[in-house]
Amino acid sequence: MAIIVNLDVVMAKRKVSLNELSERVDLTLSNLSILKTGKAKAIRFSTLEAICKALDCQPGDLLEFVDEGD
């Protein structure tokens, strides 16, 4: 199983750059980049909430479950 992070898709739809989002949610570019590329192992609910507020979206818009089979 895998959780896919669609942050880049939502950012593109909202025309928000990584720099702009970094400033809005008060996260470093490197931490946002790790999340955006799907390399993050975890995300705090407070961070998820801040991103959702900044991008006017729902958590389900950012995260997707994909069953890779057994």
C-alpha atoms as a PDB file:
ATOM      1  CA  MET A   1       0.000   0.000   0.000  1.00  0.00           C
ATOM      2  CA  ALA A   2       1.104   3.543  -0.624  1.00  0.00           C
ATOM      3  CA  ILE A   3       0.003   7.029   0.190  1.00  0.00           C
ATOM      4  CA  ILE A   4       0.507   9.360  -2.752  1.00  0.00           C
ATOM      5  CA  VAL A   5       1.039  13.062  -2.047  1.00  0.00           C
ATOM      6  CA  ASN A   6      -0.635  15.288  -4.640  1.00  0.00           C
ATOM      7  CA  LEU A   7       0.720  18.557  -3.269  1.00  0.00           C
ATOM      8  CA  ASP A   8       2.299  19.483  -6.594  1.00  0.00           C
ATOM      9  CA  VAL A   9      -1.017  18.992  -8.413  1.00  0.00           C
ATOM     10  CA  VAL A  10      -2.954  21.168  -5.965  1.00  0.00           C
ATOM     11  CA  MET A  11      -0.233  23.832  -6.027  1.00  0.00           C
ATOM     12  CA  ALA A  12      -0.332  23.904  -9.834  1.00  0.00           C
ATOM     13  CA  LYS A  13      -4.137  24.233  -9.867  1.00  0.00           C
ATOM     14  CA  ARG A  14      -3.910  27.137  -7.398  1.00  0.00           C
ATOM     15  CA  LYS A  15      -0.884  28.635  -9.207  1.00  0.00           C
ATOM     16  CA  VAL A  16       1.086  28.734  -5.954  1.00  0.00           C
ATOM     17  CA  SER A  17       4.868  28.371  -5.999  1.00  0.00           C
ATOM     18  CA  LEU A  18       6.880  26.408  -3.470  1.00  0.00           C
ATOM     19  CA  ASN A  19       8.372  29.665  -2.181  1.00  0.00           C
ATOM     20  CA  GLU A  20       4.946  31.222  -1.722  1.00  0.00           C
ATOM     21  CA  LEU A  21       3.543  28.172   0.053  1.00  0.00           C
ATOM     22  CA  SER A  22       6.632  28.015   2.260  1.00  0.00           C
ATOM     23  CA  GLU A  23       5.982  31.564   3.428  1.00  0.00           C
ATOM     24  CA  ARG A  24       2.236  30.991   3.924  1.00  0.00           C
ATOM     25  CA  VAL A  25       2.629  27.888   6.094  1.00  0.00           C
ATOM     26  CA  ASP A  26       5.939  28.813   7.733  1.00  0.00           C
ATOM     27  CA  LEU A  27       7.788  25.672   6.616  1.00  0.00           C
ATOM     28  CA  THR A  28      11.246  25.468   5.100  1.00  0.00           C
ATOM     29  CA  LEU A  29      11.570  24.911   1.376  1.00  0.00           C
ATOM     30  CA  SER A  30      13.409  21.652   2.026  1.00  0.00           C
ATOM     31  CA  ASN A  31      10.620  20.273   4.236  1.00  0.00           C
ATOM     32  CA  LEU A  32       7.962  21.238   1.691  1.00  0.00           C
ATOM     33  CA  SER A  33      10.055  19.751  -1.097  1.00  0.00           C
ATOM     34  CA  ILE A  34      10.352  16.453   0.793  1.00  0.00           C
ATOM     35  CA  LEU A  35       6.582  16.404   1.222  1.00  0.00           C
ATOM     36  CA  LYS A  36       5.941  17.422  -2.392  1.00  0.00           C
ATOM     37  CA  THR A  37       8.157  14.665  -3.791  1.00  0.00           C
ATOM     38  CA  GLY A  38       6.500  12.020  -1.616  1.00  0.00           C
ATOM     39  CA  LYS A  39       9.653  11.276   0.374  1.00  0.00           C
ATOM     40  CA  ALA A  40       8.138  12.288   3.716  1.00  0.00           C
ATOM     41  CA  LYS A  41       7.436   9.469   6.151  1.00  0.00           C
ATOM     42  CA  ALA A  42       4.938  11.462   8.221  1.00  0.00           C
ATOM     43  CA  ILE A  43       3.096  14.768   8.399  1.00  0.00           C
ATOM     44  CA  ARG A  44       1.764  16.542  11.453  1.00  0.00           C
ATOM     45  CA  PHE A  45      -1.923  17.370  11.460  1.00  0.00           C
ATOM     46  CA  SER A  46      -1.013  20.996  12.210  1.00  0.00           C
ATOM     47  CA  THR A  47       1.123  21.089   9.048  1.00  0.00           C
ATOM     48  CA  LEU A  48      -1.613  19.437   6.996  1.00  0.00           C
ATOM     49  CA  GLU A  49      -4.123  21.931   8.369  1.00  0.00           C
ATOM     50  CA  ALA A  50      -1.870  24.892   7.506  1.00  0.00           C
ATOM     51  CA  ILE A  51      -1.357  23.613   3.946  1.00  0.00           C
ATOM     52  CA  CYS A  52      -5.094  23.037   3.495  1.00  0.00           C
ATOM     53  CA  LYS A  53      -5.845  26.565   4.718  1.00  0.00           C
ATOM     54  CA  ALA A  54      -3.173  28.094   2.471  1.00  0.00           C
ATOM     55  CA  LEU A  55      -4.346  26.184  -0.607  1.00  0.00           C
ATOM     56  CA  ASP A  56      -8.077  26.232   0.231  1.00  0.00           C
ATOM     57  CA  CYS A  57      -8.375  22.471  -0.101  1.00  0.00           C
ATOM     58  CA  GLN A  58      -9.238  19.330   1.847  1.00  0.00           C
ATOM     59  CA  PRO A  59      -6.733  16.730   3.144  1.00  0.00           C
ATOM     60  CA  GLY A  60      -8.153  14.277   0.593  1.00  0.00           C
ATOM     61  CA  ASP A  61      -7.087  16.628  -2.185  1.00  0.00           C
ATOM     62  CA  LEU A  62      -3.476  16.296  -1.010  1.00  0.00           C
ATOM     63  CA  LEU A  63      -3.307  12.636   0.008  1.00  0.00           C
ATOM     64  CA  GLU A  64      -4.403   9.556  -1.927  1.00  0.00           C
ATOM     65  CA  PHE A  65      -4.287   5.873  -0.992  1.00  0.00           C
ATOM     66  CA  VAL A  66      -3.165   3.506  -3.744  1.00  0.00           C
ATOM     67  CA  ASP A  67      -3.279  -0.254  -3.169  1.00  0.00           C
ATOM     68  CA  GLU A  68      -0.170  -1.673  -4.829  1.00  0.00           C
ATOM     69  CA  GLY A  69      -1.361  -5.241  -4.340  1.00  0.00           C
ATOM     70  CA  ASP A  70       0.232  -7.955  -2.232  1.00  0.00           C
END
